[in-house]
C-alpha atoms as a PDB file:
ATOM      1  CA  MET A   1       0.000   0.000   0.000  1.00  0.00           C
ATOM      2  CA  SER A   2       1.319   3.407  -0.834  1.00  0.00           C
ATOM      3  CA  THR A   3      -0.205   6.286   1.082  1.00  0.00           C
ATOM      4  CA  SER A   4       1.124   9.446  -0.478  1.00  0.00           C
ATOM      5  CA  ARG A   5      -0.687  12.009  -2.338  1.00  0.00           C
ATOM      6  CA  LEU A   6      -3.693   9.221  -0.971  1.00  0.00           C
ATOM      7  CA  LEU A   7      33.686  11.069   0.860  1.00  0.00           C
ATOM      8  CA  HIS A   8      33.519  10.528   4.524  1.00  0.00           C
ATOM      9  CA  PRO A   9      30.277  11.401   6.203  1.00  0.00           C
ATOM     10  CA  LYS A  10      29.872  11.676   9.941  1.00  0.00           C
ATOM     11  CA  PRO A  11      29.304   8.229  11.449  1.00  0.00           C
ATOM     12  CA  ALA A  12      25.948   6.571  11.107  1.00  0.00           C
ATOM     13  CA  VAL A  13      24.801   5.033  14.339  1.00  0.00           C
ATOM     14  CA  THR A  14      22.579   2.044  14.979  1.00  0.00           C
ATOM     15  CA  LYS A  15      21.411   0.722  18.309  1.00  0.00           C
ATOM     16  CA  ARG A  16      19.336  -2.298  19.219  1.00  0.00           C
ATOM     17  CA  ARG A  17      17.498  -1.271  22.354  1.00  0.00           C
ATOM     18  CA  HIS A  18      17.017  -4.595  24.092  1.00  0.00           C
ATOM     19  CA  LEU A  19      20.740  -5.384  23.847  1.00  0.00           C
ATOM     20  CA  ARG A  20      21.896  -1.780  24.207  1.00  0.00           C
ATOM     21  CA  LYS A  21      24.568  -2.523  21.631  1.00  0.00           C
ATOM     22  CA  ARG A  22      25.898  -0.054  19.063  1.00  0.00           C
ATOM     23  CA  TYR A  23      26.992  -0.778  15.528  1.00  0.00           C
ATOM     24  CA  ASN A  24      29.220   2.032  14.257  1.00  0.00           C
ATOM     25  CA  VAL A  25      30.363   2.784  10.737  1.00  0.00           C
ATOM     26  CA  THR A  26      33.518   4.547  11.915  1.00  0.00           C
ATOM     27  CA  LYS A  27      33.927   5.725  15.491  1.00  0.00           C
ATOM     28  CA  PRO A  28      31.622   5.544  18.535  1.00  0.00           C
ATOM     29  CA  SER A  29      28.865   8.123  18.701  1.00  0.00           C
ATOM     30  CA  SER A  30      25.195   8.226  19.578  1.00  0.00           C
ATOM     31  CA  PRO A  31      21.939   9.221  17.861  1.00  0.00           C
ATOM     32  CA  GLN A  32      21.746  12.166  20.276  1.00  0.00           C
ATOM     33  CA  ASP A  33      25.185  13.402  19.200  1.00  0.00           C
ATOM     34  CA  VAL A  34      24.192  13.176  15.538  1.00  0.00           C
ATOM     35  CA  LEU A  35      20.941  15.028  16.252  1.00  0.00           C
ATOM     36  CA  LYS A  36      22.841  17.854  17.972  1.00  0.00           C
ATOM     37  CA  ALA A  37      24.933  18.210  14.822  1.00  0.00           C
ATOM     38  CA  SER A  38      21.796  18.620  12.722  1.00  0.00           C
ATOM     39  CA  THR A  39      21.634  22.255  11.632  1.00  0.00           C
ATOM     40  CA  LYS A  40      20.533  22.243   8.006  1.00  0.00           C
ATOM     41  CA  SER A  41      16.930  21.984   6.895  1.00  0.00           C
ATOM     42  CA  LEU A  42      16.696  19.488   4.059  1.00  0.00           C
ATOM     43  CA  HIS A  43      13.682  18.075   2.255  1.00  0.00           C
ATOM     44  CA  MET A  44      12.703  14.732   0.816  1.00  0.00           C
ATOM     45  CA  ILE A  45      11.251  14.076  -2.639  1.00  0.00           C
ATOM     46  CA  ALA A  46      10.136  10.455  -2.716  1.00  0.00           C
ATOM     47  CA  GLY A  47       8.514   7.936  -5.030  1.00  0.00           C
ATOM     48  CA  SER A  48       7.992   4.198  -5.040  1.00  0.00           C
ATOM     49  CA  PHE A  49       7.294   1.112  -7.100  1.00  0.00           C
ATOM     50  CA  TYR A  50       5.932  -2.260  -6.019  1.00  0.00           C
ATOM     51  CA  ILE A  51       5.956  -5.606  -7.840  1.00  0.00           C
ATOM     52  CA  PRO A  52       3.970  -8.307  -5.994  1.00  0.00           C
ATOM     53  CA  LYS A  53       4.481 -11.976  -6.675  1.00  0.00           C
ATOM     54  CA  LYS A  54       1.885 -13.503  -8.954  1.00  0.00           C
ATOM     55  CA  ASN A  55      -0.616 -15.281  -6.722  1.00  0.00           C
ATOM     56  CA  GLU A  56      -4.340 -15.370  -7.488  1.00  0.00           C
ATOM     57  CA  LEU A  57      -5.117 -15.932  -3.802  1.00  0.00           C
ATOM     58  CA  LYS A  58      -3.018 -12.916  -2.739  1.00  0.00           C
ATOM     59  CA  PRO A  59      -3.094 -10.436  -5.641  1.00  0.00           C
ATOM     60  CA  LEU A  60      -1.823  -7.610  -3.400  1.00  0.00           C
ATOM     61  CA  GLY A  61       1.218  -9.606  -2.341  1.00  0.00           C
ATOM     62  CA  GLU A  62       2.672  -9.401   1.156  1.00  0.00           C
ATOM     63  CA  ASP A  63       4.613  -6.112   1.024  1.00  0.00           C
ATOM     64  CA  ALA A  64       3.212  -2.732   2.034  1.00  0.00           C
ATOM     65  CA  HIS A  65       4.572   0.788   2.178  1.00  0.00           C
ATOM     66  CA  PHE A  66       3.754   4.479   2.508  1.00  0.00           C
ATOM     67  CA  VAL A  67       5.294   7.772   1.434  1.00  0.00           C
ATOM     68  CA  CYS A  68       4.531  11.016   3.257  1.00  0.00           C
ATOM     69  CA  GLU A  69       6.590  13.795   1.677  1.00  0.00           C
ATOM     70  CA  GLU A  70       4.924  16.509   3.755  1.00  0.00           C
ATOM     71  CA  LYS A  71       6.280  14.935   6.954  1.00  0.00           C
ATOM     72  CA  ARG A  72       9.513  13.758   5.252  1.00  0.00           C
ATOM     73  CA  THR A  73       8.791  10.160   6.246  1.00  0.00           C
ATOM     74  CA  ILE A  74       8.670   6.829   4.421  1.00  0.00           C
ATOM     75  CA  GLY A  75       8.055   3.279   5.578  1.00  0.00           C
ATOM     76  CA  LEU A  76       7.751  -0.268   4.341  1.00  0.00           C
ATOM     77  CA  ALA A  77       6.918  -3.734   5.628  1.00  0.00           C
ATOM     78  CA  ASP A  78       7.183  -7.285   4.338  1.00  0.00           C
ATOM     79  CA  GLY A  79       4.613  -9.816   5.540  1.00  0.00           C
ATOM     80  CA  VAL A  80       6.209 -13.132   6.520  1.00  0.00           C
ATOM     81  CA  GLY A  81       5.151 -15.761   3.989  1.00  0.00           C
ATOM     82  CA  GLY A  82       5.336 -18.661   6.434  1.00  0.00           C
ATOM     83  CA  TRP A  83       1.892 -17.711   7.728  1.00  0.00           C
ATOM     84  CA  SER A  84       0.342 -19.085   4.542  1.00  0.00           C
ATOM     85  CA  LYS A  85       0.828 -22.593   5.974  1.00  0.00           C
ATOM     86  CA  LYS A  86      -1.747 -21.604   8.614  1.00  0.00           C
ATOM     87  CA  GLY A  87      -4.102 -20.092   6.071  1.00  0.00           C
ATOM     88  CA  VAL A  88      -3.143 -16.531   7.032  1.00  0.00           C
ATOM     89  CA  ASP A  89      -2.297 -13.801   4.531  1.00  0.00           C
ATOM     90  CA  ALA A  90       0.538 -11.920   6.240  1.00  0.00           C
ATOM     91  CA  GLY A  91       0.083  -9.155   3.686  1.00  0.00           C
ATOM     92  CA  GLU A  92      -3.005  -8.114   5.649  1.00  0.00           C
ATOM     93  CA  TYR A  93      -0.842  -7.535   8.711  1.00  0.00           C
ATOM     94  CA  ALA A  94       1.768  -5.593   6.738  1.00  0.00           C
ATOM     95  CA  ARG A  95      -0.857  -3.379   5.097  1.00  0.00           C
ATOM     96  CA  GLU A  96      -2.624  -2.607   8.375  1.00  0.00           C
ATOM     97  CA  LEU A  97       0.707  -1.901  10.075  1.00  0.00           C
ATOM     98  CA  MET A  98       1.770   0.567   7.384  1.00  0.00           C
ATOM     99  CA  ARG A  99      -1.647   2.195   7.316  1.00  0.00           C
ATOM    100  CA  ASN A 100      -1.409   2.720  11.085  1.00  0.00           C
ATOM    101  CA  CYS A 101       2.146   4.038  10.704  1.00  0.00           C
ATOM    102  CA  PHE A 102       0.888   6.621   8.218  1.00  0.00           C
ATOM    103  CA  PHE A 103      -1.864   7.698  10.633  1.00  0.00           C
ATOM    104  CA  ALA A 104       0.704   7.970  13.442  1.00  0.00           C
ATOM    105  CA  VAL A 105       2.923  10.148  11.236  1.00  0.00           C
ATOM    106  CA  GLU A 106      -0.026  12.387  10.417  1.00  0.00           C
ATOM    107  CA  ASP A 107      -0.657  12.895  14.145  1.00  0.00           C
ATOM    108  CA  GLN A 108       2.866  14.158  14.830  1.00  0.00           C
ATOM    109  CA  PRO A 109       4.114  17.685  14.073  1.00  0.00           C
ATOM    110  CA  LYS A 110       6.215  18.239  10.964  1.00  0.00           C
ATOM    111  CA  GLY A 111       9.916  18.201  11.739  1.00  0.00           C
ATOM    112  CA  ALA A 112       9.446  16.279  14.980  1.00  0.00           C
ATOM    113  CA  ILE A 113       8.544  12.786  13.810  1.00  0.00           C
ATOM    114  CA  ASP A 114       9.731  10.075  16.198  1.00  0.00           C
ATOM    115  CA  PRO A 115      10.013   6.840  14.169  1.00  0.00           C
ATOM    116  CA  PHE A 116       9.958   4.685  17.305  1.00  0.00           C
ATOM    117  CA  HIS A 117       6.715   6.305  18.456  1.00  0.00           C
ATOM    118  CA  VAL A 118       5.278   5.790  14.969  1.00  0.00           C
ATOM    119  CA  LEU A 119       6.217   2.122  14.856  1.00  0.00           C
ATOM    120  CA  ASN A 120       5.169   1.433  18.437  1.00  0.00           C
ATOM    121  CA  LYS A 121       1.742   3.068  18.080  1.00  0.00           C
ATOM    122  CA  ALA A 122       1.103   1.278  14.787  1.00  0.00           C
ATOM    123  CA  TYR A 123       2.161  -2.029  16.335  1.00  0.00           C
ATOM    124  CA  LEU A 124      -0.245  -1.576  19.259  1.00  0.00           C
ATOM    125  CA  ASP A 125      -3.092  -0.593  16.925  1.00  0.00           C
ATOM    126  CA  THR A 126      -2.639  -3.438  14.419  1.00  0.00           C
ATOM    127  CA  GLU A 127      -5.027  -6.338  14.990  1.00  0.00           C
ATOM    128  CA  ALA A 128      -4.623  -8.483  11.866  1.00  0.00           C
ATOM    129  CA  GLN A 129      -3.115 -11.940  12.099  1.00  0.00           C
ATOM    130  CA  GLY A 130       0.367 -12.472  10.752  1.00  0.00           C
ATOM    131  CA  SER A 131       3.685 -10.714  11.139  1.00  0.00           C
ATOM    132  CA  SER A 132       6.075  -8.576   9.121  1.00  0.00           C
ATOM    133  CA  THR A 133       9.365  -6.766   9.034  1.00  0.00           C
ATOM    134  CA  ALA A 134       9.251  -2.982   9.304  1.00  0.00           C
ATOM    135  CA  CYS A 135      11.377   0.033   8.437  1.00  0.00           C
ATOM    136  CA  ILE A 136      10.376   3.631   9.227  1.00  0.00           C
ATOM    137  CA  ILE A 137      12.651   6.459   8.022  1.00  0.00           C
ATOM    138  CA  THR A 138      12.201  10.166   8.699  1.00  0.00           C
ATOM    139  CA  LEU A 139      14.289  13.235   7.859  1.00  0.00           C
ATOM    140  CA  THR A 140      14.844  15.818  10.592  1.00  0.00           C
ATOM    141  CA  GLY A 141      17.143  18.690   9.709  1.00  0.00           C
ATOM    142  CA  ASP A 142      20.029  16.964   7.957  1.00  0.00           C
ATOM    143  CA  VAL A 143      19.739  13.630   9.759  1.00  0.00           C
ATOM    144  CA  LEU A 144      17.868  10.502   8.758  1.00  0.00           C
ATOM    145  CA  HIS A 145      16.345   8.790  11.774  1.00  0.00           C
ATOM    146  CA  ALA A 146      15.108   5.236  11.307  1.00  0.00           C
ATOM    147  CA  GLU A 147      13.677   2.257  13.139  1.00  0.00           C
ATOM    148  CA  ASN A 148      14.462  -0.953  11.289  1.00  0.00           C
ATOM    149  CA  LEU A 149      13.389  -4.444  12.317  1.00  0.00           C
ATOM    150  CA  GLY A 150      14.132  -7.505  10.198  1.00  0.00           C
ATOM    151  CA  ASP A 151      15.624  -7.767   6.724  1.00  0.00           C
ATOM    152  CA  SER A 152      13.999  -4.818   4.996  1.00  0.00           C
ATOM    153  CA  GLY A 153      16.186  -1.726   5.076  1.00  0.00           C
ATOM    154  CA  PHE A 154      17.838   1.102   3.187  1.00  0.00           C
ATOM    155  CA  VAL A 155      21.044   2.482   1.715  1.00  0.00           C
ATOM    156  CA  VAL A 156      22.293   6.059   1.460  1.00  0.00           C
ATOM    157  CA  ILE A 157      24.078   7.033  -1.751  1.00  0.00           C
ATOM    158  CA  ARG A 158      26.360  10.046  -2.078  1.00  0.00           C
ATOM    159  CA  ALA A 159      28.115  11.052  -5.292  1.00  0.00           C
ATOM    160  CA  GLY A 160      27.129   7.731  -6.823  1.00  0.00           C
ATOM    161  CA  HIS A 161      28.504   5.527  -4.037  1.00  0.00           C
ATOM    162  CA  ILE A 162      26.797   3.788  -1.131  1.00  0.00           C
ATOM    163  CA  ILE A 163      28.034   5.287   2.127  1.00  0.00           C
ATOM    164  CA  TYR A 164      25.650   3.426   4.456  1.00  0.00           C
ATOM    165  CA  ARG A 165      23.682   0.156   4.489  1.00  0.00           C
ATOM    166  CA  SER A 166      21.321  -0.641   7.360  1.00  0.00           C
ATOM    167  CA  PRO A 167      22.098  -3.899   9.195  1.00  0.00           C
ATOM    168  CA  VAL A 168      19.943  -7.019   8.849  1.00  0.00           C
ATOM    169  CA  GLN A 169      18.299  -8.674  11.847  1.00  0.00           C
ATOM    170  CA  GLN A 170      17.469 -12.355  11.632  1.00  0.00           C
ATOM    171  CA  SER A 171      17.125 -15.207  14.106  1.00  0.00           C
ATOM    172  CA  ARG A 172      18.665 -17.603  11.596  1.00  0.00           C
ATOM    173  CA  PHE A 173      19.117 -17.822   7.829  1.00  0.00           C
ATOM    174  CA  ASN A 174      16.005 -16.565   6.003  1.00  0.00           C
ATOM    175  CA  CYS A 175      14.134 -16.005   9.269  1.00  0.00           C
ATOM    176  CA  PRO A 176      14.058 -12.242   9.952  1.00  0.00           C
ATOM    177  CA  PHE A 177      13.030 -10.475  13.126  1.00  0.00           C
ATOM    178  CA  GLN A 178       9.340  -9.632  12.746  1.00  0.00           C
ATOM    179  CA  LEU A 179       6.515  -7.731  14.384  1.00  0.00           C
ATOM    180  CA  GLY A 180       3.262  -9.503  15.094  1.00  0.00           C
ATOM    181  CA  ASN A 181       0.665 -10.209  17.749  1.00  0.00           C
ATOM    182  CA  THR A 182       2.084 -13.681  18.377  1.00  0.00           C
ATOM    183  CA  THR A 183       5.829 -13.167  17.754  1.00  0.00           C
ATOM    184  CA  TYR A 184       8.744 -12.697  20.125  1.00  0.00           C
ATOM    185  CA  HIS A 185       9.808  -9.353  18.716  1.00  0.00           C
ATOM    186  CA  GLY A 186       8.297  -5.959  19.395  1.00  0.00           C
ATOM    187  CA  PRO A 187       9.259  -2.422  18.379  1.00  0.00           C
ATOM    188  CA  ARG A 188      11.958  -2.288  21.075  1.00  0.00           C
ATOM    189  CA  SER A 189      13.836  -5.003  19.182  1.00  0.00           C
ATOM    190  CA  ALA A 190      14.237  -2.638  16.234  1.00  0.00           C
ATOM    191  CA  MET A 191      17.555  -0.978  15.506  1.00  0.00           C
ATOM    192  CA  GLU A 192      17.603   2.769  16.077  1.00  0.00           C
ATOM    193  CA  ILE A 193      19.591   4.435  13.305  1.00  0.00           C
ATOM    194  CA  ALA A 194      20.838   7.982  12.717  1.00  0.00           C
ATOM    195  CA  VAL A 195      22.651   8.952   9.511  1.00  0.00           C
ATOM    196  CA  GLU A 196      23.711  12.475   8.559  1.00  0.00           C
ATOM    197  CA  VAL A 197      22.809  13.319   4.948  1.00  0.00           C
ATOM    198  CA  GLU A 198      23.560  16.116   2.489  1.00  0.00           C
ATOM    199  CA  ASP A 199      21.874  17.877  -0.397  1.00  0.00           C
ATOM    200  CA  GLY A 200      22.066  15.507  -3.379  1.00  0.00           C
ATOM    201  CA  ASP A 201      22.089  12.261  -1.410  1.00  0.00           C
ATOM    202  CA  ILE A 202      19.740   9.479  -2.483  1.00  0.00           C
ATOM    203  CA  VAL A 203      18.016   7.100  -0.081  1.00  0.00           C
ATOM    204  CA  ILE A 204      16.864   3.745  -1.446  1.00  0.00           C
ATOM    205  CA  ALA A 205      14.684   1.664   0.850  1.00  0.00           C
ATOM    206  CA  GLY A 206      13.457  -1.800  -0.002  1.00  0.00           C
ATOM    207  CA  THR A 207      12.140  -5.091   1.219  1.00  0.00           C
ATOM    208  CA  ASP A 208      14.292  -8.204   1.006  1.00  0.00           C
ATOM    209  CA  GLY A 209      12.980  -8.807  -2.504  1.00  0.00           C
ATOM    210  CA  LEU A 210      15.375  -6.018  -3.486  1.00  0.00           C
ATOM    211  CA  PHE A 211      18.376  -6.739  -1.284  1.00  0.00           C
ATOM    212  CA  ASP A 212      18.248 -10.539  -1.703  1.00  0.00           C
ATOM    213  CA  ASN A 213      18.506 -10.179  -5.477  1.00  0.00           C
ATOM    214  CA  VAL A 214      20.565  -7.057  -6.178  1.00  0.00           C
ATOM    215  CA  HIS A 215      24.160  -6.512  -5.092  1.00  0.00           C
ATOM    216  CA  LEU A 216      25.076  -3.111  -3.689  1.00  0.00           C
ATOM    217  CA  ASP A 217      27.412  -2.349  -6.590  1.00  0.00           C
ATOM    218  CA  GLU A 218      24.537  -3.101  -8.980  1.00  0.00           C
ATOM    219  CA  ILE A 219      22.389  -0.555  -7.141  1.00  0.00           C
ATOM    220  CA  GLU A 220      25.182   1.984  -7.638  1.00  0.00           C
ATOM    221  CA  VAL A 221      25.277   1.218 -11.378  1.00  0.00           C
ATOM    222  CA  LEU A 222      21.506   1.730 -11.661  1.00  0.00           C
ATOM    223  CA  VAL A 223      21.636   5.009  -9.739  1.00  0.00           C
ATOM    224  CA  ASN A 224      24.517   6.274 -11.880  1.00  0.00           C
ATOM    225  CA  MET A 225      22.738   5.653 -15.188  1.00  0.00           C
ATOM    226  CA  PRO A 226      22.078   8.895 -17.100  1.00  0.00           C
ATOM    227  CA  ARG A 227      18.867  10.589 -15.968  1.00  0.00           C
ATOM    228  CA  GLU A 228      17.045  13.621 -17.285  1.00  0.00           C
ATOM    229  CA  ASP A 229      16.953  16.766 -15.180  1.00  0.00           C
ATOM    230  CA  GLY A 230      13.849  16.813 -13.033  1.00  0.00           C
ATOM    231  CA  GLU A 231      13.292  13.064 -13.337  1.00  0.00           C
ATOM    232  CA  MET A 232      11.001  11.973 -10.511  1.00  0.00           C
ATOM    233  CA  PRO A 233      12.186   9.354  -8.003  1.00  0.00           C
ATOM    234  CA  ASP A 234       9.368   6.924  -8.842  1.00  0.00           C
ATOM    235  CA  LEU A 235      11.026   6.334 -12.241  1.00  0.00           C
ATOM    236  CA  LEU A 236      14.298   5.316 -10.564  1.00  0.00           C
ATOM    237  CA  ALA A 237      12.282   3.147  -8.154  1.00  0.00           C
ATOM    238  CA  TRP A 238      10.649   1.474 -11.178  1.00  0.00           C
ATOM    239  CA  THR A 239      14.046   0.891 -12.816  1.00  0.00           C
ATOM    240  CA  ILE A 240      15.514  -0.705  -9.699  1.00  0.00           C
ATOM    241  CA  ALA A 241      12.419  -2.810  -8.970  1.00  0.00           C
ATOM    242  CA  ARG A 242      12.272  -4.143 -12.533  1.00  0.00           C
ATOM    243  CA  PHE A 243      15.958  -5.046 -12.414  1.00  0.00           C
ATOM    244  CA  ALA A 244      15.433  -6.873  -9.103  1.00  0.00           C
ATOM    245  CA  SER A 245      12.398  -8.662 -10.526  1.00  0.00           C
ATOM    246  CA  GLY A 246      14.402  -9.932 -13.489  1.00  0.00           C
ATOM    247  CA  LYS A 247      17.131 -11.277 -11.242  1.00  0.00           C
ATOM    248  CA  SER A 248      14.609 -12.918  -8.903  1.00  0.00           C
ATOM    249  CA  LEU A 249      13.537 -15.160 -11.802  1.00  0.00           C
ATOM    250  CA  ASP A 250      17.053 -15.926 -13.006  1.00  0.00           C
ATOM    251  CA  LYS A 251      18.461 -19.191 -11.652  1.00  0.00           C
ATOM    252  CA  SER A 252      21.778 -18.715 -13.438  1.00  0.00           C
ATOM    253  CA  CYS A 253      22.907 -15.531 -11.698  1.00  0.00           C
ATOM    254  CA  PHE A 254      24.765 -15.249  -8.413  1.00  0.00           C
ATOM    255  CA  THR A 255      22.739 -13.198  -5.935  1.00  0.00           C
ATOM    256  CA  PRO A 256      23.216 -11.907  -2.382  1.00  0.00           C
ATOM    257  CA  PHE A 257      20.643 -14.487  -1.265  1.00  0.00           C
ATOM    258  CA  GLN A 258      22.659 -17.327  -2.781  1.00  0.00           C
ATOM    259  CA  ARG A 259      25.823 -16.047  -1.113  1.00  0.00           C
ATOM    260  CA  ALA A 260      24.061 -15.880   2.263  1.00  0.00           C
ATOM    261  CA  ALA A 261      22.646 -19.365   1.740  1.00  0.00           C
ATOM    262  CA  ILE A 262      26.097 -20.806   1.050  1.00  0.00           C
ATOM    263  CA  GLU A 263      27.519 -19.078   4.136  1.00  0.00           C
ATOM    264  CA  ALA A 264      24.655 -20.565   6.206  1.00  0.00           C
ATOM    265  CA  GLY A 265      25.291 -24.077   4.883  1.00  0.00           C
ATOM    266  CA  HIS A 266      22.488 -24.240   2.311  1.00  0.00           C
ATOM    267  CA  PRO A 267      24.179 -24.687  -1.076  1.00  0.00           C
ATOM    268  CA  GLU A 268      20.915 -25.943  -2.591  1.00  0.00           C
ATOM    269  CA  PHE A 269      19.701 -22.350  -2.985  1.00  0.00           C
ATOM    270  CA  VAL A 270      20.888 -20.998  -6.348  1.00  0.00           C
ATOM    271  CA  GLY A 271      20.155 -17.912  -8.398  1.00  0.00           C
ATOM    272  CA  GLY A 272      17.490 -15.371  -7.615  1.00  0.00           C
ATOM    273  CA  LYS A 273      14.836 -15.494  -4.907  1.00  0.00           C
ATOM    274  CA  TYR A 274      11.309 -14.956  -6.241  1.00  0.00           C
ATOM    275  CA  ASP A 275       9.603 -12.537  -3.894  1.00  0.00           C
ATOM    276  CA  ASP A 276       7.523  -9.383  -3.599  1.00  0.00           C
ATOM    277  CA  ILE A 277       9.675  -6.363  -4.391  1.00  0.00           C
ATOM    278  CA  THR A 278       9.160  -2.893  -2.945  1.00  0.00           C
ATOM    279  CA  VAL A 279      11.502   0.009  -3.717  1.00  0.00           C
ATOM    280  CA  ILE A 280      11.203   3.547  -2.329  1.00  0.00           C
ATOM    281  CA  VAL A 281      13.568   6.213  -3.652  1.00  0.00           C
ATOM    282  CA  ALA A 282      13.972   9.514  -1.798  1.00  0.00           C
ATOM    283  CA  TYR A 283      16.017  12.437  -3.114  1.00  0.00           C
ATOM    284  CA  ILE A 284      17.476  14.636  -0.376  1.00  0.00           C
ATOM    285  CA  VAL A 285      17.347  18.258  -1.476  1.00  0.00           C
ATOM    286  CA  ALA A 286      18.025  21.664   0.061  1.00  0.00           C
END
């Protein structure tokens, strides 16, 4: 669901609350330190594209997302497909969660969006069966603040190169952390992330259908392809999503999912991973 219009940066910081552990790109810092450094007022121009798996029983797929440019906030979720064995469409949970996230964003003042509050309120208000990953990203000043749980996530691109990739949370191979009414993880298990950004940076958020099939250097190639002045971000989102979709159906290519499978002791997984694919592209502009 989309609800919208409906080179050395300072260190990015991530923190998983229940372990109180920090993951630093360069040197130790804290989200509060990064926030204090935020002095510039930047804006976000965002667009998205979604390709659900072909399934007559679940035509909407299991991904969901929203874009709220006015509040400089985006979010996405990926319903966990394992629920289908119990006759549950996890896409219903993901869609309700993102819808409630959008409502929570609307209730907060512009420039003061707290992604943890958004995710927590949406989690408490969501009643559907199932579970999903979740990633909420908001721009305050010149800092991206995010709450990311599971294997959805985002990258930040500056001058054509990826300078940050959000970490993945999973209990074991192909079993991501997930929100749900009957799961072990809640919003406090999410990683709290702060990344300083600049005018001209590009944020690309996606579900695992993107990151399982497309290598980071391939994302850089797609971003660096010639684009017309004024080209809207939804066109780049379409380009990236279509590329990921092609690779998801290709059993002859070597993908990030195959590499992770080999590292986890599952060499039987080869090629792409057929999945729902959501891509949100946000241009950071002054």
